[in-house]
């Protein structure tokens, strides 16, 4: 690993974590396509910490409001959730929607890391999920906003997020696709996907934080470069995507997924031959 490669991987993480094109898939594909040694899971964790900082920085007002109102409502109304204000209800919906990914991560994360990081498999998941995303983008009613999200939405979208532990699926892609199937507008689907993904980011960072303790000082310096690039690029991408989806579809990201999948399979076939 060198500083340039660390910066490239940080930029890739910042771009692909929030665009619906799969960050975990790209962090496997980029080294494989360029013949680099795998950067290791501890480096990936550092990059994810960068995008966690980006998402917390962008949505900090939302989280402060949800926790402030939620605390007041819990004291006043206890667990009578129907009497809670909307920011408090939304906090509980995010907590509920985070349960599927937490359960799947605890039960299957090690198996997934050991068995589904092959480039050919990532290419297939990129293409298949891309096709589902395109269908949802075209068939979704886009008649609802975030204020209408309820228990069923949180569970269904949360279950979709759990599928994103498989590289190539994309956390934002899976959650946005499920939200579109539930009738949400595109930019609200993306906003809810980002808020719902925050606890998953925090949980993954806590689970893997111990891996960073074994890194050397140079490794930590390179990780710092990747972290900074990931955070800055991630913040820009969040702002861009939320504005982009107000007036445009997900089609460009779907065609990108198809292109990367085809290129990956082609390069793999050439190397085998």
C-alpha atoms as a PDB file:
ATOM      1  CA  UNK A   1       0.000   0.000   0.000  1.00  0.00           C
ATOM      2  CA  UNK A   2       1.207   3.536  -0.728  1.00  0.00           C
ATOM      3  CA  UNK A   3      -0.321   6.986  -0.223  1.00  0.00           C
ATOM      4  CA  UNK A   4      -1.553   7.306  -3.821  1.00  0.00           C
ATOM      5  CA  UNK A   5      -3.305   3.956  -3.699  1.00  0.00           C
ATOM      6  CA  UNK A   6      -4.782   4.862  -0.304  1.00  0.00           C
ATOM      7  CA  UNK A   7      -6.129   8.103  -1.766  1.00  0.00           C
ATOM      8  CA  UNK A   8      -7.610   6.298  -4.785  1.00  0.00           C
ATOM      9  CA  UNK A   9      -9.358   3.753  -2.568  1.00  0.00           C
ATOM     10  CA  UNK A  10     -10.625   6.544  -0.316  1.00  0.00           C
ATOM     11  CA  UNK A  11     -12.081   8.382  -3.297  1.00  0.00           C
ATOM     12  CA  UNK A  12     -13.634   5.148  -4.574  1.00  0.00           C
ATOM     13  CA  UNK A  13     -15.212   4.528  -1.154  1.00  0.00           C
ATOM     14  CA  UNK A  14     -16.566   8.083  -0.931  1.00  0.00           C
ATOM     15  CA  UNK A  15     -18.068   7.854  -4.411  1.00  0.00           C
ATOM     16  CA  UNK A  16     -19.525   4.374  -4.247  1.00  0.00           C
ATOM     17  CA  UNK A  17     -20.848   4.224  -0.681  1.00  0.00           C
ATOM     18  CA  UNK A  18     -23.638   6.698  -1.353  1.00  0.00           C
ATOM     19  CA  UNK A  19     -24.162   6.241  -5.075  1.00  0.00           C
ATOM     20  CA  UNK A  20     -26.186   3.032  -5.615  1.00  0.00           C
ATOM     21  CA  UNK A  21     -23.296   1.137  -7.176  1.00  0.00           C
ATOM     22  CA  UNK A  22     -21.805  -0.836  -4.226  1.00  0.00           C
ATOM     23  CA  UNK A  23     -18.755   0.339  -2.292  1.00  0.00           C
ATOM     24  CA  UNK A  24     -17.830  -3.139  -1.020  1.00  0.00           C
ATOM     25  CA  UNK A  25     -17.967  -4.467  -4.557  1.00  0.00           C
ATOM     26  CA  UNK A  26     -15.691  -1.722  -5.876  1.00  0.00           C
ATOM     27  CA  UNK A  27     -13.212  -2.172  -3.010  1.00  0.00           C
ATOM     28  CA  UNK A  28     -12.840  -5.780  -4.146  1.00  0.00           C
ATOM     29  CA  UNK A  29     -12.954  -5.129  -7.895  1.00  0.00           C
ATOM     30  CA  UNK A  30     -10.492  -2.214  -8.082  1.00  0.00           C
ATOM     31  CA  UNK A  31      -7.530  -4.133  -6.556  1.00  0.00           C
ATOM     32  CA  UNK A  32      -8.471  -7.258  -8.541  1.00  0.00           C
ATOM     33  CA  UNK A  33      -8.651  -5.408 -11.866  1.00  0.00           C
ATOM     34  CA  UNK A  34      -5.362  -3.555 -11.336  1.00  0.00           C
ATOM     35  CA  UNK A  35      -3.496  -6.494  -9.830  1.00  0.00           C
ATOM     36  CA  UNK A  36      -3.070  -4.840  -6.415  1.00  0.00           C
ATOM     37  CA  UNK A  37      -2.810  -6.833  -3.229  1.00  0.00           C
ATOM     38  CA  UNK A  38      -6.074  -6.812  -1.290  1.00  0.00           C
ATOM     39  CA  UNK A  39      -5.912  -3.860   1.105  1.00  0.00           C
ATOM     40  CA  UNK A  40      -7.430  -5.892   3.939  1.00  0.00           C
ATOM     41  CA  UNK A  41     -10.568  -5.490   5.978  1.00  0.00           C
ATOM     42  CA  UNK A  42      -8.979  -3.148   8.527  1.00  0.00           C
ATOM     43  CA  UNK A  43      -8.242  -0.640   5.762  1.00  0.00           C
ATOM     44  CA  UNK A  44     -11.810  -0.990   4.497  1.00  0.00           C
ATOM     45  CA  UNK A  45     -13.021  -0.221   8.025  1.00  0.00           C
ATOM     46  CA  UNK A  46     -10.990   2.982   8.038  1.00  0.00           C
ATOM     47  CA  UNK A  47     -12.536   4.012   4.739  1.00  0.00           C
ATOM     48  CA  UNK A  48     -16.011   3.305   6.118  1.00  0.00           C
ATOM     49  CA  UNK A  49     -15.212   5.510   9.115  1.00  0.00           C
ATOM     50  CA  UNK A  50     -14.605   8.306   6.624  1.00  0.00           C
ATOM     51  CA  UNK A  51     -18.030   7.884   5.051  1.00  0.00           C
ATOM     52  CA  UNK A  52     -19.569   7.594   8.528  1.00  0.00           C
ATOM     53  CA  UNK A  53     -18.103  11.007   9.332  1.00  0.00           C
ATOM     54  CA  UNK A  54     -19.544  12.350   6.068  1.00  0.00           C
ATOM     55  CA  UNK A  55     -23.061  11.092   6.745  1.00  0.00           C
ATOM     56  CA  UNK A  56     -23.050  12.286  10.350  1.00  0.00           C
ATOM     57  CA  UNK A  57     -21.755  15.663   9.238  1.00  0.00           C
ATOM     58  CA  UNK A  58     -24.430  16.064   6.576  1.00  0.00           C
ATOM     59  CA  UNK A  59     -27.388  14.932   8.678  1.00  0.00           C
ATOM     60  CA  UNK A  60     -26.308  16.123  12.132  1.00  0.00           C
ATOM     61  CA  UNK A  61     -29.282  18.475  12.462  1.00  0.00           C
ATOM     62  CA  UNK A  62     -31.688  15.601  11.760  1.00  0.00           C
ATOM     63  CA  UNK A  63     -30.076  13.412  14.408  1.00  0.00           C
ATOM     64  CA  UNK A  64     -29.967  16.180  17.008  1.00  0.00           C
ATOM     65  CA  UNK A  65     -33.662  16.899  16.455  1.00  0.00           C
ATOM     66  CA  UNK A  66     -34.657  13.226  16.560  1.00  0.00           C
ATOM     67  CA  UNK A  67     -32.759  12.569  19.799  1.00  0.00           C
ATOM     68  CA  UNK A  68     -33.900  15.820  21.434  1.00  0.00           C
ATOM     69  CA  UNK A  69     -37.586  15.274  20.610  1.00  0.00           C
ATOM     70  CA  UNK A  70     -37.329  11.539  21.228  1.00  0.00           C
ATOM     71  CA  UNK A  71     -35.913  12.028  24.722  1.00  0.00           C
ATOM     72  CA  UNK A  72     -38.635  14.544  25.620  1.00  0.00           C
ATOM     73  CA  UNK A  73     -41.389  12.297  24.249  1.00  0.00           C
ATOM     74  CA  UNK A  74     -40.041   9.249  26.073  1.00  0.00           C
ATOM     75  CA  UNK A  75     -40.090  11.129  29.373  1.00  0.00           C
ATOM     76  CA  UNK A  76     -43.575  12.572  28.767  1.00  0.00           C
ATOM     77  CA  UNK A  77     -45.344   9.737  26.943  1.00  0.00           C
ATOM     78  CA  UNK A  78     -43.176   6.699  27.836  1.00  0.00           C
ATOM     79  CA  UNK A  79     -43.770   4.008  25.163  1.00  0.00           C
ATOM     80  CA  UNK A  80     -47.088   5.347  23.885  1.00  0.00           C
ATOM     81  CA  UNK A  81     -45.521   5.867  20.474  1.00  0.00           C
ATOM     82  CA  UNK A  82     -48.641   7.183  18.778  1.00  0.00           C
ATOM     83  CA  UNK A  83     -48.445  10.183  21.084  1.00  0.00           C
ATOM     84  CA  UNK A  84     -44.836  10.884  20.118  1.00  0.00           C
ATOM     85  CA  UNK A  85     -44.001  13.687  17.693  1.00  0.00           C
ATOM     86  CA  UNK A  86     -42.892  12.738  14.192  1.00  0.00           C
ATOM     87  CA  UNK A  87     -39.106  13.176  14.767  1.00  0.00           C
ATOM     88  CA  UNK A  88     -39.357  10.822  17.751  1.00  0.00           C
ATOM     89  CA  UNK A  89     -41.391   8.274  15.781  1.00  0.00           C
ATOM     90  CA  UNK A  90     -38.872   8.491  12.958  1.00  0.00           C
ATOM     91  CA  UNK A  91     -36.025   7.677  15.339  1.00  0.00           C
ATOM     92  CA  UNK A  92     -37.830   4.505  16.420  1.00  0.00           C
ATOM     93  CA  UNK A  93     -38.557   3.585  12.802  1.00  0.00           C
ATOM     94  CA  UNK A  94     -34.845   3.848  11.999  1.00  0.00           C
ATOM     95  CA  UNK A  95     -34.057   1.665  15.023  1.00  0.00           C
ATOM     96  CA  UNK A  96     -36.599  -0.925  13.873  1.00  0.00           C
ATOM     97  CA  UNK A  97     -35.323  -0.844  10.299  1.00  0.00           C
ATOM     98  CA  UNK A  98     -31.756  -1.412  11.525  1.00  0.00           C
ATOM     99  CA  UNK A  99     -32.580  -4.721  13.231  1.00  0.00           C
ATOM    100  CA  UNK A 100     -32.473  -6.988  10.107  1.00  0.00           C
ATOM    101  CA  UNK A 101     -29.007  -5.825   9.052  1.00  0.00           C
ATOM    102  CA  UNK A 102     -27.732  -6.130  12.626  1.00  0.00           C
ATOM    103  CA  UNK A 103     -28.984  -9.718  12.930  1.00  0.00           C
ATOM    104  CA  UNK A 104     -27.658 -10.802   9.527  1.00  0.00           C
ATOM    105  CA  UNK A 105     -24.341  -9.078  10.199  1.00  0.00           C
ATOM    106  CA  UNK A 106     -23.845 -10.772  13.550  1.00  0.00           C
ATOM    107  CA  UNK A 107     -24.815 -14.203  12.226  1.00  0.00           C
ATOM    108  CA  UNK A 108     -23.291 -14.262   8.750  1.00  0.00           C
ATOM    109  CA  UNK A 109     -20.735 -11.467   8.364  1.00  0.00           C
ATOM    110  CA  UNK A 110     -17.679 -13.714   8.740  1.00  0.00           C
ATOM    111  CA  UNK A 111     -19.079 -16.266   6.292  1.00  0.00           C
ATOM    112  CA  UNK A 112     -19.885 -13.535   3.763  1.00  0.00           C
ATOM    113  CA  UNK A 113     -16.388 -12.049   4.031  1.00  0.00           C
ATOM    114  CA  UNK A 114     -14.804 -15.475   3.435  1.00  0.00           C
ATOM    115  CA  UNK A 115     -17.060 -16.721   0.624  1.00  0.00           C
ATOM    116  CA  UNK A 116     -18.607 -13.956  -1.493  1.00  0.00           C
ATOM    117  CA  UNK A 117     -15.800 -11.565  -2.358  1.00  0.00           C
ATOM    118  CA  UNK A 118     -15.048 -13.095  -5.780  1.00  0.00           C
ATOM    119  CA  UNK A 119     -15.126 -10.617  -8.701  1.00  0.00           C
ATOM    120  CA  UNK A 120     -17.355 -12.832 -10.883  1.00  0.00           C
ATOM    121  CA  UNK A 121     -19.981 -13.051  -8.121  1.00  0.00           C
ATOM    122  CA  UNK A 122     -19.865  -9.293  -7.561  1.00  0.00           C
ATOM    123  CA  UNK A 123     -20.403  -8.770 -11.285  1.00  0.00           C
ATOM    124  CA  UNK A 124     -23.542 -10.915 -11.156  1.00  0.00           C
ATOM    125  CA  UNK A 125     -24.969  -9.113  -8.118  1.00  0.00           C
ATOM    126  CA  UNK A 126     -24.217  -5.727  -9.713  1.00  0.00           C
ATOM    127  CA  UNK A 127     -26.222  -6.707 -12.801  1.00  0.00           C
ATOM    128  CA  UNK A 128     -29.111  -8.475 -11.070  1.00  0.00           C
ATOM    129  CA  UNK A 129     -29.698  -5.781  -8.466  1.00  0.00           C
ATOM    130  CA  UNK A 130     -29.297  -3.159 -11.185  1.00  0.00           C
ATOM    131  CA  UNK A 131     -32.157  -4.722 -13.141  1.00  0.00           C
ATOM    132  CA  UNK A 132     -34.370  -4.761 -10.039  1.00  0.00           C
ATOM    133  CA  UNK A 133     -33.443  -1.155  -9.321  1.00  0.00           C
ATOM    134  CA  UNK A 134     -34.368  -0.095 -12.851  1.00  0.00           C
ATOM    135  CA  UNK A 135     -37.746  -1.811 -12.544  1.00  0.00           C
ATOM    136  CA  UNK A 136     -38.447  -0.121  -9.196  1.00  0.00           C
ATOM    137  CA  UNK A 137     -37.358   3.255 -10.566  1.00  0.00           C
ATOM    138  CA  UNK A 138     -39.760   2.985 -13.497  1.00  0.00           C
ATOM    139  CA  UNK A 139     -42.690   1.273 -11.767  1.00  0.00           C
ATOM    140  CA  UNK A 140     -42.678   2.984  -8.365  1.00  0.00           C
ATOM    141  CA  UNK A 141     -45.531   5.450  -7.877  1.00  0.00           C
ATOM    142  CA  UNK A 142     -43.299   8.124  -6.260  1.00  0.00           C
ATOM    143  CA  UNK A 143     -46.439   9.438  -4.556  1.00  0.00           C
ATOM    144  CA  UNK A 144     -45.193   9.433  -0.942  1.00  0.00           C
ATOM    145  CA  UNK A 145     -42.718  11.496   1.061  1.00  0.00           C
ATOM    146  CA  UNK A 146     -40.766  10.682   4.219  1.00  0.00           C
ATOM    147  CA  UNK A 147     -43.607  11.893   6.418  1.00  0.00           C
ATOM    148  CA  UNK A 148     -45.669   8.859   5.400  1.00  0.00           C
ATOM    149  CA  UNK A 149     -43.097   6.188   6.323  1.00  0.00           C
ATOM    150  CA  UNK A 150     -44.539   3.631   8.739  1.00  0.00           C
ATOM    151  CA  UNK A 151     -43.710   0.357  10.456  1.00  0.00           C
ATOM    152  CA  UNK A 152     -44.135  -1.824   7.368  1.00  0.00           C
ATOM    153  CA  UNK A 153     -41.887   0.486   5.335  1.00  0.00           C
ATOM    154  CA  UNK A 154     -39.160   0.410   7.999  1.00  0.00           C
ATOM    155  CA  UNK A 155     -39.190  -3.402   8.174  1.00  0.00           C
ATOM    156  CA  UNK A 156     -39.206  -3.946   4.399  1.00  0.00           C
ATOM    157  CA  UNK A 157     -36.533  -1.337   3.659  1.00  0.00           C
ATOM    158  CA  UNK A 158     -34.485  -2.611   6.607  1.00  0.00           C
ATOM    159  CA  UNK A 159     -34.646  -6.149   5.228  1.00  0.00           C
ATOM    160  CA  UNK A 160     -33.371  -4.843   1.895  1.00  0.00           C
ATOM    161  CA  UNK A 161     -30.476  -3.177   3.711  1.00  0.00           C
ATOM    162  CA  UNK A 162     -29.542  -6.537   5.232  1.00  0.00           C
ATOM    163  CA  UNK A 163     -29.074  -7.942   1.700  1.00  0.00           C
ATOM    164  CA  UNK A 164     -26.405  -5.290   1.093  1.00  0.00           C
ATOM    165  CA  UNK A 165     -23.908  -7.228   3.204  1.00  0.00           C
ATOM    166  CA  UNK A 166     -23.308  -9.168  -0.015  1.00  0.00           C
ATOM    167  CA  UNK A 167     -20.726  -7.246  -2.093  1.00  0.00           C
ATOM    168  CA  UNK A 168     -22.198  -5.867  -5.293  1.00  0.00           C
ATOM    169  CA  UNK A 169     -25.685  -5.303  -3.889  1.00  0.00           C
ATOM    170  CA  UNK A 170     -25.081  -1.759  -2.510  1.00  0.00           C
ATOM    171  CA  UNK A 171     -26.574  -0.560   0.755  1.00  0.00           C
ATOM    172  CA  UNK A 172     -27.937   2.645  -0.747  1.00  0.00           C
ATOM    173  CA  UNK A 173     -29.059   0.812  -3.890  1.00  0.00           C
ATOM    174  CA  UNK A 174     -30.956  -1.886  -1.983  1.00  0.00           C
ATOM    175  CA  UNK A 175     -32.655   0.516   0.413  1.00  0.00           C
ATOM    176  CA  UNK A 176     -33.553   3.021  -2.299  1.00  0.00           C
ATOM    177  CA  UNK A 177     -34.967   0.225  -4.460  1.00  0.00           C
ATOM    178  CA  UNK A 178     -37.144  -1.036  -1.615  1.00  0.00           C
ATOM    179  CA  UNK A 179     -38.260   2.509  -0.816  1.00  0.00           C
ATOM    180  CA  UNK A 180     -39.216   3.079  -4.461  1.00  0.00           C
ATOM    181  CA  UNK A 181     -41.256  -0.134  -4.443  1.00  0.00           C
ATOM    182  CA  UNK A 182     -43.023   1.293  -1.389  1.00  0.00           C
ATOM    183  CA  UNK A 183     -43.956   4.393  -3.398  1.00  0.00           C
ATOM    184  CA  UNK A 184     -41.510   6.968  -2.029  1.00  0.00           C
ATOM    185  CA  UNK A 185     -40.202   9.828  -4.144  1.00  0.00           C
ATOM    186  CA  UNK A 186     -36.636   9.326  -5.339  1.00  0.00           C
ATOM    187  CA  UNK A 187     -34.897  11.963  -3.204  1.00  0.00           C
ATOM    188  CA  UNK A 188     -36.870  10.944  -0.097  1.00  0.00           C
ATOM    189  CA  UNK A 189     -35.972   7.310  -0.788  1.00  0.00           C
ATOM    190  CA  UNK A 190     -32.299   8.317  -0.853  1.00  0.00           C
ATOM    191  CA  UNK A 191     -32.591  10.466   2.275  1.00  0.00           C
ATOM    192  CA  UNK A 192     -34.222   7.659   4.242  1.00  0.00           C
ATOM    193  CA  UNK A 193     -31.614   5.207   2.908  1.00  0.00           C
ATOM    194  CA  UNK A 194     -28.805   7.409   4.233  1.00  0.00           C
ATOM    195  CA  UNK A 195     -30.423   7.903   7.655  1.00  0.00           C
ATOM    196  CA  UNK A 196     -31.240   4.196   7.955  1.00  0.00           C
ATOM    197  CA  UNK A 197     -27.677   3.298   6.990  1.00  0.00           C
ATOM    198  CA  UNK A 198     -26.116   5.389   9.777  1.00  0.00           C
ATOM    199  CA  UNK A 199     -26.625   2.854  12.621  1.00  0.00           C
ATOM    200  CA  UNK A 200     -25.241   0.135  10.340  1.00  0.00           C
ATOM    201  CA  UNK A 201     -22.138   2.271   9.738  1.00  0.00           C
ATOM    202  CA  UNK A 202     -21.688   2.788  13.473  1.00  0.00           C
ATOM    203  CA  UNK A 203     -22.195  -0.904  14.258  1.00  0.00           C
ATOM    204  CA  UNK A 204     -19.740  -2.066  11.601  1.00  0.00           C
ATOM    205  CA  UNK A 205     -17.152   0.455  12.803  1.00  0.00           C
ATOM    206  CA  UNK A 206     -17.470  -0.718  16.413  1.00  0.00           C
ATOM    207  CA  UNK A 207     -17.223  -4.393  15.447  1.00  0.00           C
ATOM    208  CA  UNK A 208     -14.081  -3.873  13.393  1.00  0.00           C
ATOM    209  CA  UNK A 209     -12.397  -1.101  15.387  1.00  0.00           C
ATOM    210  CA  UNK A 210     -10.092  -3.588  17.126  1.00  0.00           C
ATOM    211  CA  UNK A 211      -8.606  -4.514  13.728  1.00  0.00           C
ATOM    212  CA  UNK A 212      -7.087  -1.040  13.487  1.00  0.00           C
ATOM    213  CA  UNK A 213      -5.034  -1.493  16.674  1.00  0.00           C
ATOM    214  CA  UNK A 214      -2.584  -3.845  14.953  1.00  0.00           C
ATOM    215  CA  UNK A 215      -1.705  -1.400  12.165  1.00  0.00           C
ATOM    216  CA  UNK A 216       1.809   0.075  12.001  1.00  0.00           C
ATOM    217  CA  UNK A 217       2.407   3.833  12.066  1.00  0.00           C
ATOM    218  CA  UNK A 218       2.896   3.945   8.280  1.00  0.00           C
ATOM    219  CA  UNK A 219      -0.232   1.875   7.743  1.00  0.00           C
ATOM    220  CA  UNK A 220      -2.129   4.280   9.972  1.00  0.00           C
ATOM    221  CA  UNK A 221      -0.783   7.246   7.991  1.00  0.00           C
ATOM    222  CA  UNK A 222      -1.954   5.673   4.736  1.00  0.00           C
ATOM    223  CA  UNK A 223      -5.262   4.872   6.392  1.00  0.00           C
ATOM    224  CA  UNK A 224      -5.538   8.515   7.414  1.00  0.00           C
ATOM    225  CA  UNK A 225      -5.178   9.563   3.767  1.00  0.00           C
ATOM    226  CA  UNK A 226      -7.882   7.114   2.713  1.00  0.00           C
ATOM    227  CA  UNK A 227     -10.119   8.206   5.588  1.00  0.00           C
ATOM    228  CA  UNK A 228      -9.825  11.894   4.678  1.00  0.00           C
ATOM    229  CA  UNK A 229     -10.484  11.296   0.974  1.00  0.00           C
ATOM    230  CA  UNK A 230     -13.461   9.086   1.793  1.00  0.00           C
ATOM    231  CA  UNK A 231     -14.993  11.670   4.144  1.00  0.00           C
ATOM    232  CA  UNK A 232     -14.594  14.669   1.822  1.00  0.00           C
ATOM    233  CA  UNK A 233     -15.763  12.879  -1.324  1.00  0.00           C
ATOM    234  CA  UNK A 234     -18.624  11.220   0.569  1.00  0.00           C
ATOM    235  CA  UNK A 235     -19.931  14.571   1.804  1.00  0.00           C
ATOM    236  CA  UNK A 236     -19.906  15.953  -1.729  1.00  0.00           C
ATOM    237  CA  UNK A 237     -21.644  12.857  -3.126  1.00  0.00           C
ATOM    238  CA  UNK A 238     -24.471  12.963  -0.552  1.00  0.00           C
ATOM    239  CA  UNK A 239     -25.213  16.579  -1.450  1.00  0.00           C
ATOM    240  CA  UNK A 240     -25.014  15.835  -5.175  1.00  0.00           C
ATOM    241  CA  UNK A 241     -27.231  12.755  -5.119  1.00  0.00           C
ATOM    242  CA  UNK A 242     -30.042  14.301  -3.074  1.00  0.00           C
ATOM    243  CA  UNK A 243     -30.201  17.223  -5.511  1.00  0.00           C
ATOM    244  CA  UNK A 244     -29.812  14.991  -8.570  1.00  0.00           C
ATOM    245  CA  UNK A 245     -32.715  12.728  -7.641  1.00  0.00           C
ATOM    246  CA  UNK A 246     -35.155  15.611  -7.330  1.00  0.00           C
ATOM    247  CA  UNK A 247     -35.442  15.737 -11.091  1.00  0.00           C
ATOM    248  CA  UNK A 248     -33.639  12.671 -12.484  1.00  0.00           C
ATOM    249  CA  UNK A 249     -33.914   8.894 -12.356  1.00  0.00           C
ATOM    250  CA  UNK A 250     -31.557   6.142 -11.215  1.00  0.00           C
ATOM    251  CA  UNK A 251     -31.072   4.911 -14.790  1.00  0.00           C
ATOM    252  CA  UNK A 252     -27.514   6.243 -15.188  1.00  0.00           C
ATOM    253  CA  UNK A 253     -26.388   4.262 -12.119  1.00  0.00           C
ATOM    254  CA  UNK A 254     -28.109   1.134 -13.393  1.00  0.00           C
ATOM    255  CA  UNK A 255     -26.321   1.332 -16.746  1.00  0.00           C
ATOM    256  CA  UNK A 256     -23.048   1.940 -14.911  1.00  0.00           C
ATOM    257  CA  UNK A 257     -23.645  -1.242 -12.881  1.00  0.00           C
ATOM    258  CA  UNK A 258     -24.306  -3.196 -16.088  1.00  0.00           C
ATOM    259  CA  UNK A 259     -21.131  -1.805 -17.652  1.00  0.00           C
ATOM    260  CA  UNK A 260     -18.917  -2.650 -14.662  1.00  0.00           C
ATOM    261  CA  UNK A 261     -20.429  -6.144 -14.464  1.00  0.00           C
ATOM    262  CA  UNK A 262     -19.761  -6.795 -18.165  1.00  0.00           C
ATOM    263  CA  UNK A 263     -16.219  -5.423 -17.969  1.00  0.00           C
ATOM    264  CA  UNK A 264     -15.426  -7.517 -14.899  1.00  0.00           C
ATOM    265  CA  UNK A 265     -16.653 -10.727 -16.525  1.00  0.00           C
ATOM    266  CA  UNK A 266     -14.794  -9.914 -19.750  1.00  0.00           C
ATOM    267  CA  UNK A 267     -11.480  -9.259 -17.993  1.00  0.00           C
ATOM    268  CA  UNK A 268     -11.945 -12.419 -15.936  1.00  0.00           C
ATOM    269  CA  UNK A 269     -12.583 -14.471 -19.080  1.00  0.00           C
ATOM    270  CA  UNK A 270      -9.500 -13.021 -20.804  1.00  0.00           C
ATOM    271  CA  UNK A 271      -7.291 -13.798 -17.804  1.00  0.00           C
ATOM    272  CA  UNK A 272      -8.554 -17.368 -17.605  1.00  0.00           C
ATOM    273  CA  UNK A 273      -7.956 -17.843 -21.318  1.00  0.00           C
END
